[in-house]
Amino acid sequence: MPIELRRLSFVQFDVFSARPFEGNSLAVVPDARGLSDQMMQALAREMNLSETTFVLPRDPATERERGVRVRIFTVQEELPFAGHPTLGTRVLPCGVRPVQAKLLSN
């Protein structure tokens, strides 16, 4: 089966700390459109952090009314809710540019 190469942006930072290497590490994929459940789980395992969040942007009217959709994964499973990744995703550091990474999928 051929492997598709795709670029994926993500940000990794420490939540609840102003200093590097302290606080709770979190990876955020700011645009996870097109990723399958299995790929999100595989990426969370690859990040190997307590949680990895995946933002699924919606049209502006829906986001104003219902907010942004965020899915939260640990290395083992998807969580319906968790405080640290929810807050961290919401306050994603301003001015932080996502890292471009190559993603292999099949």
C-alpha atoms as a PDB file:
ATOM      1  CA  MET A   1       0.000   0.000   0.000  1.00  0.00           C
ATOM      2  CA  PRO A   2       1.534   3.378  -0.975  1.00  0.00           C
ATOM      3  CA  ILE A   3       2.269   5.902   1.759  1.00  0.00           C
ATOM      4  CA  GLU A   4       1.002   9.448   1.294  1.00  0.00           C
ATOM      5  CA  LEU A   5       3.316  12.228   2.448  1.00  0.00           C
ATOM      6  CA  ARG A   6       1.580  15.270   3.915  1.00  0.00           C
ATOM      7  CA  ARG A   7       2.682  18.345   5.849  1.00  0.00           C
ATOM      8  CA  LEU A   8       1.084  18.998   9.218  1.00  0.00           C
ATOM      9  CA  SER A   9       1.549  22.027  11.477  1.00  0.00           C
ATOM     10  CA  PHE A  10       1.688  21.677  15.248  1.00  0.00           C
ATOM     11  CA  VAL A  11       2.804  23.600  18.314  1.00  0.00           C
ATOM     12  CA  GLN A  12       4.290  22.094  21.454  1.00  0.00           C
ATOM     13  CA  PHE A  13       4.546  24.184  24.604  1.00  0.00           C
ATOM     14  CA  ASP A  14       4.283  24.052  28.390  1.00  0.00           C
ATOM     15  CA  VAL A  15       0.917  24.872  29.938  1.00  0.00           C
ATOM     16  CA  PHE A  16       0.799  26.478  33.402  1.00  0.00           C
ATOM     17  CA  SER A  17       4.374  27.737  33.256  1.00  0.00           C
ATOM     18  CA  ALA A  18       6.189  30.744  31.827  1.00  0.00           C
ATOM     19  CA  ARG A  19       9.482  28.820  31.775  1.00  0.00           C
ATOM     20  CA  PRO A  20      10.538  26.097  29.344  1.00  0.00           C
ATOM     21  CA  PHE A  21      10.697  22.523  30.608  1.00  0.00           C
ATOM     22  CA  GLU A  22       8.213  23.203  33.411  1.00  0.00           C
ATOM     23  CA  GLY A  23       4.451  22.891  33.569  1.00  0.00           C
ATOM     24  CA  ASN A  24       2.481  20.373  31.508  1.00  0.00           C
ATOM     25  CA  SER A  25       3.672  19.775  27.949  1.00  0.00           C
ATOM     26  CA  LEU A  26       0.973  19.897  25.296  1.00  0.00           C
ATOM     27  CA  ALA A  27       1.002  19.431  21.525  1.00  0.00           C
ATOM     28  CA  VAL A  28      -1.685  21.273  19.542  1.00  0.00           C
ATOM     29  CA  VAL A  29      -2.515  20.624  15.901  1.00  0.00           C
ATOM     30  CA  PRO A  30      -4.279  23.888  14.948  1.00  0.00           C
ATOM     31  CA  ASP A  31      -5.912  22.477  11.802  1.00  0.00           C
ATOM     32  CA  ALA A  32      -6.724  18.778  11.971  1.00  0.00           C
ATOM     33  CA  ARG A  33      -9.213  18.735   9.116  1.00  0.00           C
ATOM     34  CA  GLY A  34      -8.847  15.585   7.068  1.00  0.00           C
ATOM     35  CA  LEU A  35      -7.164  13.516   9.788  1.00  0.00           C
ATOM     36  CA  SER A  36      -8.835  10.222  10.636  1.00  0.00           C
ATOM     37  CA  ASP A  37      -9.431   9.066  14.204  1.00  0.00           C
ATOM     38  CA  GLN A  38      -6.668   6.496  13.716  1.00  0.00           C
ATOM     39  CA  MET A  39      -4.200   9.127  12.476  1.00  0.00           C
ATOM     40  CA  MET A  40      -4.977  11.420  15.441  1.00  0.00           C
ATOM     41  CA  GLN A  41      -4.363   8.523  17.810  1.00  0.00           C
ATOM     42  CA  ALA A  42      -1.119   7.609  16.019  1.00  0.00           C
ATOM     43  CA  LEU A  43       0.085  11.224  16.200  1.00  0.00           C
ATOM     44  CA  ALA A  44      -0.735  11.408  19.918  1.00  0.00           C
ATOM     45  CA  ARG A  45       1.301   8.236  20.463  1.00  0.00           C
ATOM     46  CA  GLU A  46       4.167   9.713  18.428  1.00  0.00           C
ATOM     47  CA  MET A  47       4.105  12.983  20.428  1.00  0.00           C
ATOM     48  CA  ASN A  48       4.218  10.851  23.600  1.00  0.00           C
ATOM     49  CA  LEU A  49       2.864  13.622  25.845  1.00  0.00           C
ATOM     50  CA  SER A  50       0.073  13.443  28.418  1.00  0.00           C
ATOM     51  CA  GLU A  51      -2.296  14.904  25.823  1.00  0.00           C
ATOM     52  CA  THR A  52      -2.338  16.121  22.241  1.00  0.00           C
ATOM     53  CA  THR A  53      -5.199  18.270  20.964  1.00  0.00           C
ATOM     54  CA  PHE A  54      -6.567  18.514  17.451  1.00  0.00           C
ATOM     55  CA  VAL A  55      -8.494  21.646  16.450  1.00  0.00           C
ATOM     56  CA  LEU A  56     -11.169  21.146  13.808  1.00  0.00           C
ATOM     57  CA  PRO A  57     -11.964  24.609  12.429  1.00  0.00           C
ATOM     58  CA  ARG A  58     -15.550  25.344  11.396  1.00  0.00           C
ATOM     59  CA  ASP A  59     -17.114  28.155   9.474  1.00  0.00           C
ATOM     60  CA  PRO A  60     -16.921  31.519  11.334  1.00  0.00           C
ATOM     61  CA  ALA A  61     -20.673  31.687  12.092  1.00  0.00           C
ATOM     62  CA  THR A  62     -20.656  28.245  13.727  1.00  0.00           C
ATOM     63  CA  GLU A  63     -17.508  29.063  15.690  1.00  0.00           C
ATOM     64  CA  ARG A  64     -19.087  32.272  16.995  1.00  0.00           C
ATOM     65  CA  GLU A  65     -22.193  30.381  18.102  1.00  0.00           C
ATOM     66  CA  ARG A  66     -20.782  27.019  19.215  1.00  0.00           C
ATOM     67  CA  GLY A  67     -17.033  27.544  19.544  1.00  0.00           C
ATOM     68  CA  VAL A  68     -14.135  25.655  18.060  1.00  0.00           C
ATOM     69  CA  ARG A  69     -14.225  21.861  18.029  1.00  0.00           C
ATOM     70  CA  VAL A  70     -11.257  20.299  19.817  1.00  0.00           C
ATOM     71  CA  ARG A  71     -10.500  16.603  20.197  1.00  0.00           C
ATOM     72  CA  ILE A  72      -8.168  15.448  22.974  1.00  0.00           C
ATOM     73  CA  PHE A  73      -6.051  12.305  22.772  1.00  0.00           C
ATOM     74  CA  THR A  74      -3.687  10.637  25.222  1.00  0.00           C
ATOM     75  CA  VAL A  75      -1.192   8.050  24.005  1.00  0.00           C
ATOM     76  CA  GLN A  76      -3.866   5.400  24.634  1.00  0.00           C
ATOM     77  CA  GLU A  77      -7.293   6.909  23.948  1.00  0.00           C
ATOM     78  CA  GLU A  78      -9.480   9.877  23.115  1.00  0.00           C
ATOM     79  CA  LEU A  79     -10.815  11.804  26.116  1.00  0.00           C
ATOM     80  CA  PRO A  80     -14.225  13.515  26.201  1.00  0.00           C
ATOM     81  CA  PHE A  81     -12.753  16.364  28.275  1.00  0.00           C
ATOM     82  CA  ALA A  82      -9.581  17.290  30.140  1.00  0.00           C
ATOM     83  CA  GLY A  83      -8.765  20.623  31.771  1.00  0.00           C
ATOM     84  CA  HIS A  84      -5.076  21.198  31.003  1.00  0.00           C
ATOM     85  CA  PRO A  85      -5.307  20.502  27.253  1.00  0.00           C
ATOM     86  CA  THR A  86      -8.555  22.469  26.926  1.00  0.00           C
ATOM     87  CA  LEU A  87      -7.066  25.530  28.628  1.00  0.00           C
ATOM     88  CA  GLY A  88      -3.764  25.125  26.812  1.00  0.00           C
ATOM     89  CA  THR A  89      -5.450  24.928  23.429  1.00  0.00           C
ATOM     90  CA  ARG A  90      -7.567  27.972  24.243  1.00  0.00           C
ATOM     91  CA  VAL A  91      -4.623  30.109  25.282  1.00  0.00           C
ATOM     92  CA  LEU A  92      -2.222  28.878  22.616  1.00  0.00           C
ATOM     93  CA  PRO A  93       0.629  31.354  22.968  1.00  0.00           C
ATOM     94  CA  CYS A  94       0.081  34.347  20.733  1.00  0.00           C
ATOM     95  CA  GLY A  95       2.695  34.790  18.081  1.00  0.00           C
ATOM     96  CA  VAL A  96       3.780  31.166  18.187  1.00  0.00           C
ATOM     97  CA  ARG A  97       4.219  29.814  14.690  1.00  0.00           C
ATOM     98  CA  PRO A  98       3.283  26.167  14.189  1.00  0.00           C
ATOM     99  CA  VAL A  99       6.075  23.812  13.222  1.00  0.00           C
ATOM    100  CA  GLN A 100       5.771  22.172   9.809  1.00  0.00           C
ATOM    101  CA  ALA A 101       6.197  18.420  10.063  1.00  0.00           C
ATOM    102  CA  LYS A 102       5.945  15.697   7.468  1.00  0.00           C
ATOM    103  CA  LEU A 103       3.167  13.228   8.162  1.00  0.00           C
ATOM    104  CA  LEU A 104       3.092   9.745   6.749  1.00  0.00           C
ATOM    105  CA  SER A 105      -0.308   8.223   6.243  1.00  0.00           C
ATOM    106  CA  ASN A 106      -1.679   5.365   4.229  1.00  0.00           C
END
